Amino acid sequence: MHASVGSGHKAAAAAIAEAVDRLRGTHGVPVDVEVEVLDILDFGRIPFDGNKTAASFTGATRPVYDLTWRYTLTGRLLWGGGTGWSKVMFPAFNEYVCAKQPVAVICTHITAANVAVGARMITGIDYPVVCVPTDYEIEGWWPHRETDLFCVATDFMAETLRPRKVEPARIRITGIPVRHGFEREDDPAACRAQFGLPDGKQIVLIMAGASLPQPYVLFRAAIEQTLPYLRRFDRMHFVFLPGRDTVYSGNLKAIFAGMGLDNVTVLDYVDDMVSLMHASDLAILKSGGLTVTECLCARLPMVLLGKSYGQEKANTTLLTSYGASMHATTAAELVSILGRLHEHPEALDALLVNASALRRPRAAEDIVSATMELVGVPIERERHFAEFYWGGKPAHLR
């Protein structure tokens, strides 16, 4: 289960569903298992466009979202879980649980997790609820006391959960789930030929598009300021990815044609991102949890661009603290970093070595295996409308 707030939560849920199919008949997964990927917002009493809401927290409103994400229920007063939200907003999901009687529910978004917990209390149908945060820190509204297992990316995140009275037995460090294939050892030259890219240059991906264009407005503005400088990096070849935004793609192609740049390529929507990442030497991107995890698993060094907020700020802080990525806040900083990497490409090797501590390409399979260990294990559970509780001293101050 996920919520359609951006694309990362759905991608993580789909990756876990694929892993269930791959493990069918092994690791405790029944041969006849049925897998469903659900958007919890589809069950809401009131229609709610999560993508539109997420897109509204861009530009001047980003600091508001940052305050909400980073400073709500992160200290001693904590959220445990309850039935309140499910009763009021999601009665249709309670009926769905009664009809399906799931053996387990794996959640990649807090709304899905809280509704799954509430439905379990209301219906009396018991199943483990497994929570999978898709960023490199944990938001305060996860149902801490009622979650059977947290599958997190790092020890840092585990240290966030322990003061919230989540026992070590309910924490598994699995990594963030990504699609199958990023762990492959592809031939870079063959992958470059697949996309018509030169084999004798550093391939630099500029990931400037997704299903929602609004969060990329400031990122694209910074990239546009770097365009006059690309010509000087003659040992690099820049590949722009505008996603499904055909207008932006057309504008880029017109600009590059007018500038006469021969070290750039614009690729429209790419299905085979695994091969493209394996063809590349560097990615310039926003610090979204799923995208940076795909780069980690594909062994693709990263430069994170732009001032980040909320969960993206947590991602940037964690990755740069590990030395697993570089960070440029402005276009001028990005040009400076590109200059250093252009003259000293061996610096990319250091990023790869540091990133290896975070690389967990089998996260989806590990999450499924850990979930199946909980299926059928009886647990005495309480029922409450809403539970707040007092935790320990936070390990990480925000």
Protein backbone atom coordinates (compact mmCIF):
# COMPACT_ATOMS: atom_id res chain seq x y z
CA MET A 1 0.00 0.00 0.00
CA HIS A 2 1.14 3.52 -0.83
CA ALA A 3 -0.31 6.98 -1.26
CA SER A 4 -0.07 8.86 -4.54
CA VAL A 5 1.92 11.75 -3.08
CA GLY A 6 4.75 12.01 -5.57
CA SER A 7 6.01 8.93 -7.40
CA GLY A 8 8.47 7.40 -4.91
CA HIS A 9 5.99 5.73 -2.55
CA LYS A 10 4.24 3.96 -5.43
CA ALA A 11 7.55 2.88 -6.98
CA ALA A 12 8.65 1.36 -3.68
CA ALA A 13 5.34 -0.47 -3.28
CA ALA A 14 5.60 -1.83 -6.84
CA ALA A 15 9.16 -3.00 -6.17
CA ILE A 16 8.01 -4.94 -3.10
CA ALA A 17 5.13 -6.48 -5.06
CA GLU A 18 7.57 -7.63 -7.75
CA ALA A 19 9.73 -9.19 -5.03
CA VAL A 20 6.74 -11.13 -3.67
CA ASP A 21 6.25 -12.62 -7.12
CA ARG A 22 9.94 -13.48 -7.46
CA LEU A 23 9.94 -15.21 -4.06
CA ARG A 24 6.71 -17.09 -4.68
CA GLY A 25 7.05 -20.55 -3.12
CA THR A 26 10.19 -19.63 -1.14
CA HIS A 27 11.05 -17.63 2.00
CA GLY A 28 7.62 -18.38 3.43
CA VAL A 29 5.74 -16.85 0.49
CA PRO A 30 2.82 -19.11 -0.52
CA VAL A 31 2.84 -20.44 -4.08
CA ASP A 32 -0.73 -19.19 -4.59
CA VAL A 33 -0.17 -15.76 -3.04
CA GLU A 34 -2.22 -12.87 -4.46
CA VAL A 35 -0.48 -9.49 -4.51
CA GLU A 36 -2.25 -6.15 -4.79
CA VAL A 37 -0.68 -2.69 -4.98
CA LEU A 38 -3.16 -0.21 -3.54
CA ASP A 39 -3.31 3.57 -3.34
CA ILE A 40 -4.91 4.30 0.01
CA LEU A 41 -6.26 7.61 -1.27
CA ASP A 42 -8.56 5.67 -3.60
CA PHE A 43 -10.48 4.50 -0.50
CA GLY A 44 -10.97 7.96 1.05
CA ARG A 45 -14.44 9.23 1.89
CA ILE A 46 -13.42 12.62 0.47
CA PRO A 47 -11.60 12.65 -2.91
CA PHE A 48 -8.04 13.82 -2.33
CA ASP A 49 -5.38 14.51 -4.95
CA GLY A 50 -2.15 13.73 -3.19
CA ASN A 51 0.00 14.69 -6.17
CA LYS A 52 -1.60 18.11 -6.44
CA THR A 53 -1.14 18.66 -2.71
CA ALA A 54 2.51 17.61 -2.88
CA ALA A 55 3.10 19.91 -5.83
CA SER A 56 1.68 22.85 -3.88
CA PHE A 57 4.59 22.70 -1.43
CA THR A 58 7.07 24.19 -3.87
CA GLY A 59 8.59 27.64 -4.13
CA ALA A 60 7.69 29.97 -1.27
CA THR A 61 5.67 27.32 0.60
CA ARG A 62 8.55 24.84 0.92
CA PRO A 63 9.67 26.09 4.38
CA VAL A 64 6.13 25.44 5.69
CA TYR A 65 6.38 21.83 4.58
CA ASP A 66 9.87 21.62 6.05
CA LEU A 67 8.57 22.68 9.48
CA THR A 68 5.73 20.15 9.28
CA TRP A 69 7.89 17.23 8.19
CA ARG A 70 10.94 17.78 10.35
CA TYR A 71 9.46 19.11 13.60
CA THR A 72 6.12 17.36 14.15
CA LEU A 73 6.10 14.55 16.76
CA THR A 74 9.86 14.06 16.68
CA GLY A 75 10.61 14.75 20.34
CA ARG A 76 9.29 13.17 23.55
CA LEU A 77 5.58 13.41 22.67
CA LEU A 78 4.94 10.75 20.01
CA TRP A 79 2.17 9.21 17.93
CA GLY A 80 1.29 5.56 18.46
CA GLY A 81 -1.67 4.91 16.16
CA GLY A 82 -5.45 4.48 16.46
CA THR A 83 -8.80 3.96 14.79
CA GLY A 84 -9.91 7.60 14.53
CA TRP A 85 -8.72 8.36 11.03
CA SER A 86 -9.92 5.02 9.66
CA LYS A 87 -13.41 5.40 11.09
CA VAL A 88 -13.91 8.89 9.76
CA MET A 89 -12.08 8.93 6.43
CA PHE A 90 -11.55 5.35 5.29
CA PRO A 91 -14.56 3.10 6.06
CA ALA A 92 -14.29 1.72 2.51
CA PHE A 93 -10.88 0.28 3.33
CA ASN A 94 -12.26 -1.37 6.47
CA GLU A 95 -14.84 -3.10 4.27
CA TYR A 96 -12.10 -4.07 1.82
CA VAL A 97 -10.10 -5.72 4.63
CA CYS A 98 -13.16 -7.71 5.69
CA ALA A 99 -13.61 -8.93 2.13
CA LYS A 100 -9.95 -9.76 1.40
CA GLN A 101 -8.65 -10.74 4.87
CA PRO A 102 -4.99 -10.08 3.99
CA VAL A 103 -2.15 -12.13 5.47
CA ALA A 104 0.04 -9.01 5.65
CA VAL A 105 0.02 -5.32 4.71
CA ILE A 106 3.26 -3.57 3.73
CA CYS A 107 3.04 0.23 3.72
CA THR A 108 5.34 2.72 2.01
CA HIS A 109 3.48 5.84 3.18
CA ILE A 110 2.33 6.99 6.62
CA THR A 111 -1.30 7.42 5.54
CA ALA A 112 -1.44 3.83 4.32
CA ALA A 113 0.20 2.62 7.54
CA ASN A 114 -2.18 4.47 9.84
CA VAL A 115 -5.24 3.33 7.90
CA ALA A 116 -4.00 -0.27 7.90
CA VAL A 117 -3.52 -0.14 11.67
CA GLY A 118 -6.97 1.37 12.19
CA ALA A 119 -8.64 -1.23 9.97
CA ARG A 120 -6.97 -4.02 11.95
CA MET A 121 -8.37 -2.63 15.19
CA ILE A 122 -11.86 -2.02 13.81
CA THR A 123 -12.35 -5.31 11.95
CA GLY A 124 -10.55 -7.60 14.39
CA ILE A 125 -8.82 -9.29 11.44
CA ASP A 126 -5.21 -9.74 12.46
CA TYR A 127 -2.30 -9.22 10.08
CA PRO A 128 1.18 -7.77 10.47
CA VAL A 129 1.62 -4.15 9.40
CA VAL A 130 5.10 -3.52 8.03
CA CYS A 131 6.22 0.09 7.54
CA VAL A 132 8.82 0.99 4.90
CA PRO A 133 9.88 4.66 4.97
CA THR A 134 11.14 5.65 1.52
CA ASP A 135 13.59 8.33 2.67
CA TYR A 136 16.65 8.42 4.90
CA GLU A 137 14.87 9.66 8.02
CA ILE A 138 11.54 8.85 9.65
CA GLU A 139 8.56 11.17 9.85
CA GLY A 140 6.83 11.57 13.19
CA TRP A 141 3.38 10.38 12.12
CA TRP A 142 4.23 6.73 11.48
CA PRO A 143 2.14 4.55 13.87
CA HIS A 144 5.10 3.63 16.08
CA ARG A 145 3.48 1.50 18.76
CA GLU A 146 1.22 -0.47 16.39
CA THR A 147 3.75 -1.22 13.66
CA ASP A 148 4.92 -4.84 13.74
CA LEU A 149 8.10 -4.14 11.80
CA PHE A 150 9.94 -1.07 10.51
CA CYS A 151 12.18 -1.78 7.51
CA VAL A 152 14.57 1.16 7.34
CA ALA A 153 17.56 2.18 5.27
CA THR A 154 20.28 2.84 7.86
CA ASP A 155 21.39 2.51 11.47
CA PHE A 156 20.80 6.25 11.74
CA MET A 157 17.09 5.65 11.20
CA ALA A 158 17.07 2.82 13.72
CA GLU A 159 18.48 5.24 16.29
CA THR A 160 15.55 7.53 15.56
CA LEU A 161 13.08 4.73 16.29
CA ARG A 162 14.61 3.35 19.51
CA PRO A 163 13.85 6.45 21.64
CA ARG A 164 10.30 6.23 20.29
CA LYS A 165 10.05 2.90 22.16
CA VAL A 166 10.21 0.75 19.04
CA GLU A 167 12.02 -2.35 20.24
CA PRO A 168 15.07 -3.58 18.29
CA ALA A 169 13.14 -6.74 17.36
CA ARG A 170 10.69 -4.53 15.45
CA ILE A 171 13.43 -2.82 13.42
CA ARG A 172 15.14 -4.33 10.38
CA ILE A 173 17.80 -2.51 8.37
CA THR A 174 16.93 -3.54 4.82
CA GLY A 175 17.51 -0.49 2.67
CA ILE A 176 14.89 1.23 0.51
CA PRO A 177 13.25 -1.06 -2.08
CA VAL A 178 13.92 -0.41 -5.76
CA ARG A 179 12.97 -2.23 -8.93
CA HIS A 180 14.75 -5.40 -9.92
CA GLY A 181 17.73 -4.92 -12.23
CA PHE A 182 19.75 -2.13 -10.66
CA GLU A 183 22.05 -4.72 -9.11
CA ARG A 184 23.02 -6.07 -12.55
CA GLU A 185 26.58 -5.86 -13.84
CA ASP A 186 25.85 -4.49 -17.32
CA ASP A 187 28.50 -3.61 -19.91
CA PRO A 188 28.64 0.23 -19.93
CA ALA A 189 29.76 0.34 -23.57
CA ALA A 190 26.80 -1.78 -24.69
CA CYS A 191 24.41 0.36 -22.65
CA ARG A 192 25.80 3.53 -24.21
CA ALA A 193 25.37 2.08 -27.68
CA GLN A 194 21.74 1.30 -26.79
CA PHE A 195 21.07 5.03 -26.29
CA GLY A 196 23.44 6.31 -28.99
CA LEU A 197 25.83 7.88 -26.48
CA PRO A 198 29.57 8.34 -27.06
CA ASP A 199 31.80 5.72 -25.44
CA GLY A 200 34.90 7.85 -24.92
CA LYS A 201 33.42 10.51 -22.61
CA GLN A 202 32.05 10.81 -19.09
CA ILE A 203 28.28 10.47 -19.37
CA VAL A 204 26.48 12.88 -17.05
CA LEU A 205 22.75 12.34 -16.48
CA ILE A 206 20.71 15.43 -15.63
CA MET A 207 17.48 14.08 -14.17
CA ALA A 208 15.14 17.03 -14.63
CA GLY A 209 11.73 15.42 -14.95
CA ALA A 210 9.19 13.21 -13.21
CA SER A 211 5.44 12.67 -13.13
CA LEU A 212 5.08 16.03 -11.34
CA PRO A 213 6.86 18.97 -13.05
CA GLN A 214 6.22 21.53 -10.28
CA PRO A 215 8.87 20.27 -7.80
CA TYR A 216 11.45 20.57 -10.59
CA VAL A 217 10.90 24.28 -11.32
CA LEU A 218 13.79 25.50 -9.16
CA PHE A 219 16.01 22.57 -10.19
CA ARG A 220 15.47 23.39 -13.87
CA ALA A 221 16.14 27.07 -13.24
CA ALA A 222 19.52 26.22 -11.71
CA ILE A 223 20.33 23.86 -14.57
CA GLU A 224 19.48 26.53 -17.14
CA GLN A 225 22.05 28.83 -15.55
CA THR A 226 24.74 26.20 -16.15
CA LEU A 227 24.01 25.74 -19.87
CA PRO A 228 26.45 28.42 -21.11
CA TYR A 229 29.28 26.60 -19.31
CA LEU A 230 28.71 23.09 -20.67
CA ARG A 231 30.86 23.70 -23.75
CA ARG A 232 34.02 23.93 -21.63
CA PHE A 233 33.60 20.35 -20.34
CA ASP A 234 34.64 18.70 -23.59
CA ARG A 235 35.42 15.35 -21.95
CA MET A 236 31.86 15.12 -20.65
CA HIS A 237 28.62 14.36 -22.48
CA PHE A 238 25.43 15.63 -20.82
CA VAL A 239 22.19 13.66 -21.10
CA PHE A 240 19.05 15.60 -20.17
CA LEU A 241 16.01 13.65 -18.97
CA PRO A 242 12.85 15.80 -19.05
CA GLY A 243 10.60 12.82 -18.28
CA ARG A 244 7.12 13.08 -19.79
CA ASP A 245 7.32 16.88 -20.11
CA THR A 246 7.33 17.23 -23.90
CA VAL A 247 7.23 21.04 -23.76
CA TYR A 248 10.37 21.19 -21.64
CA SER A 249 12.03 18.61 -23.90
CA GLY A 250 11.26 20.69 -26.99
CA ASN A 251 12.61 23.84 -25.35
CA LEU A 252 15.87 22.10 -24.43
CA LYS A 253 16.36 20.75 -27.95
CA ALA A 254 15.76 24.21 -29.42
CA ILE A 255 18.21 25.84 -27.01
CA PHE A 256 20.96 23.32 -27.70
CA ALA A 257 20.45 23.57 -31.45
CA GLY A 258 20.76 27.34 -31.22
CA MET A 259 23.90 27.09 -29.09
CA GLY A 260 25.47 24.53 -31.41
CA LEU A 261 26.39 22.24 -28.51
CA ASP A 262 27.67 18.84 -29.55
CA ASN A 263 28.19 17.35 -26.07
CA VAL A 264 24.52 17.16 -25.09
CA THR A 265 21.66 14.74 -25.74
CA VAL A 266 17.99 15.12 -24.78
CA LEU A 267 16.19 11.83 -24.23
CA ASP A 268 12.43 11.80 -23.99
CA TYR A 269 10.74 9.44 -21.53
CA VAL A 270 13.03 6.44 -20.88
CA ASP A 271 11.58 3.07 -19.89
CA ASP A 272 14.90 1.33 -19.33
CA MET A 273 16.43 3.54 -16.62
CA VAL A 274 18.50 0.62 -15.37
CA SER A 275 20.53 0.44 -18.57
CA LEU A 276 20.79 4.22 -18.82
CA MET A 277 22.18 4.48 -15.30
CA HIS A 278 24.63 1.68 -16.04
CA ALA A 279 25.74 3.63 -19.12
CA SER A 280 26.48 6.74 -17.05
CA ASP A 281 29.32 8.02 -14.89
CA LEU A 282 27.53 10.74 -12.90
CA ALA A 283 23.98 11.88 -12.12
CA ILE A 284 22.80 15.38 -11.25
CA LEU A 285 19.43 15.19 -9.50
CA LYS A 286 17.12 16.26 -6.71
CA SER A 287 17.46 14.33 -3.47
CA GLY A 288 14.28 12.24 -3.68
CA GLY A 289 14.54 9.02 -1.68
CA LEU A 290 13.79 6.52 -4.46
CA THR A 291 15.89 8.21 -7.12
CA VAL A 292 19.01 8.49 -4.98
CA THR A 293 18.55 4.87 -3.89
CA GLU A 294 18.38 3.75 -7.51
CA CYS A 295 21.65 5.60 -8.14
CA LEU A 296 23.22 3.91 -5.11
CA CYS A 297 22.15 0.48 -6.30
CA ALA A 298 23.31 1.20 -9.87
CA ARG A 299 26.72 2.36 -8.58
CA LEU A 300 26.15 5.79 -10.09
CA PRO A 301 27.86 8.73 -8.32
CA MET A 302 25.63 11.70 -7.58
CA VAL A 303 25.63 15.48 -7.32
CA LEU A 304 22.50 16.66 -5.48
CA LEU A 305 21.39 20.06 -6.73
CA GLY A 306 19.37 22.72 -4.96
CA LYS A 307 18.36 23.69 -1.46
CA SER A 308 16.34 20.82 -0.03
CA TYR A 309 13.50 20.72 2.47
CA GLY A 310 11.67 18.11 4.53
CA GLN A 311 12.57 14.53 3.71
CA GLU A 312 14.84 15.69 0.86
CA LYS A 313 16.89 17.68 3.36
CA ALA A 314 17.26 14.53 5.47
CA ASN A 315 18.36 12.62 2.37
CA THR A 316 20.92 15.27 1.44
CA THR A 317 22.33 15.41 4.95
CA LEU A 318 22.66 11.64 5.24
CA LEU A 319 24.23 11.09 1.81
CA THR A 320 26.75 13.90 2.14
CA SER A 321 27.65 12.87 5.70
CA TYR A 322 28.57 9.43 4.35
CA GLY A 323 30.53 11.03 1.52
CA ALA A 324 28.25 9.13 -0.85
CA SER A 325 27.29 12.22 -2.86
CA MET A 326 28.25 15.81 -3.48
CA HIS A 327 25.88 18.73 -3.01
CA ALA A 328 25.57 21.98 -4.94
CA THR A 329 23.12 24.57 -3.69
CA THR A 330 23.52 26.97 -6.63
CA ALA A 331 24.36 26.82 -10.32
CA ALA A 332 27.78 28.37 -9.65
CA GLU A 333 28.61 25.62 -7.16
CA LEU A 334 27.51 22.99 -9.68
CA VAL A 335 29.79 24.44 -12.38
CA SER A 336 32.68 24.38 -9.89
CA ILE A 337 32.02 20.72 -8.99
CA LEU A 338 31.78 19.74 -12.65
CA GLY A 339 35.09 21.46 -13.26
CA ARG A 340 36.79 19.43 -10.54
CA LEU A 341 35.30 16.16 -11.75
CA HIS A 342 36.19 17.02 -15.33
CA GLU A 343 39.85 17.44 -14.39
CA HIS A 344 39.93 14.69 -11.75
CA PRO A 345 37.45 11.95 -12.71
CA GLU A 346 39.10 9.64 -10.18
CA ALA A 347 37.17 11.57 -7.51
CA LEU A 348 34.09 9.64 -8.61
CA ASP A 349 35.70 6.46 -7.30
CA ALA A 350 35.73 7.88 -3.76
CA LEU A 351 31.99 8.55 -3.97
CA LEU A 352 31.40 4.94 -5.02
CA VAL A 353 33.48 3.56 -2.15
CA ASN A 354 31.60 5.66 0.40
CA ALA A 355 28.22 4.84 -1.15
CA SER A 356 28.84 1.11 -0.79
CA ALA A 357 27.89 1.37 2.90
CA LEU A 358 24.36 2.39 1.85
CA ARG A 359 23.96 0.14 -1.17
CA ARG A 360 21.30 -2.55 -0.57
CA PRO A 361 19.93 -3.65 -3.95
CA ARG A 362 18.03 -6.64 -2.46
CA ALA A 363 16.00 -4.51 -0.06
CA ALA A 364 12.65 -5.53 -1.59
CA GLU A 365 13.36 -9.25 -1.18
CA ASP A 366 14.60 -8.72 2.39
CA ILE A 367 11.42 -6.82 3.26
CA VAL A 368 9.23 -9.60 1.90
CA SER A 369 11.20 -12.28 3.76
CA ALA A 370 11.00 -10.32 7.02
CA THR A 371 7.25 -9.82 6.54
CA MET A 372 6.58 -13.51 6.03
CA GLU A 373 8.35 -14.29 9.31
CA LEU A 374 5.53 -12.41 11.06
CA VAL A 375 2.58 -14.03 9.27
CA GLY A 376 0.57 -16.30 11.55
CA VAL A 377 2.38 -15.25 14.74
CA PRO A 378 -0.36 -14.46 17.30
CA ILE A 379 -0.07 -11.10 19.07
CA GLU A 380 -2.32 -9.58 21.73
CA ARG A 381 -3.38 -6.17 20.50
CA GLU A 382 -5.17 -3.22 22.08
CA ARG A 383 -7.75 -1.02 20.47
CA HIS A 384 -7.79 2.73 20.89
CA PHE A 385 -9.19 5.75 19.08
CA ALA A 386 -5.89 7.64 19.24
CA GLU A 387 -2.70 7.06 21.17
CA PHE A 388 -0.05 9.58 22.07
CA TYR A 389 2.77 8.50 24.35
CA TRP A 390 5.91 9.78 26.00
CA GLY A 391 9.16 8.57 24.50
CA GLY A 392 12.82 8.74 25.43
CA LYS A 393 15.31 11.48 24.68
CA PRO A 394 15.63 11.81 20.86
CA ALA A 395 18.87 10.44 19.48
CA HIS A 396 18.88 13.07 16.73
CA LEU A 397 17.79 16.60 17.44
CA ARG A 398 15.99 18.34 14.59
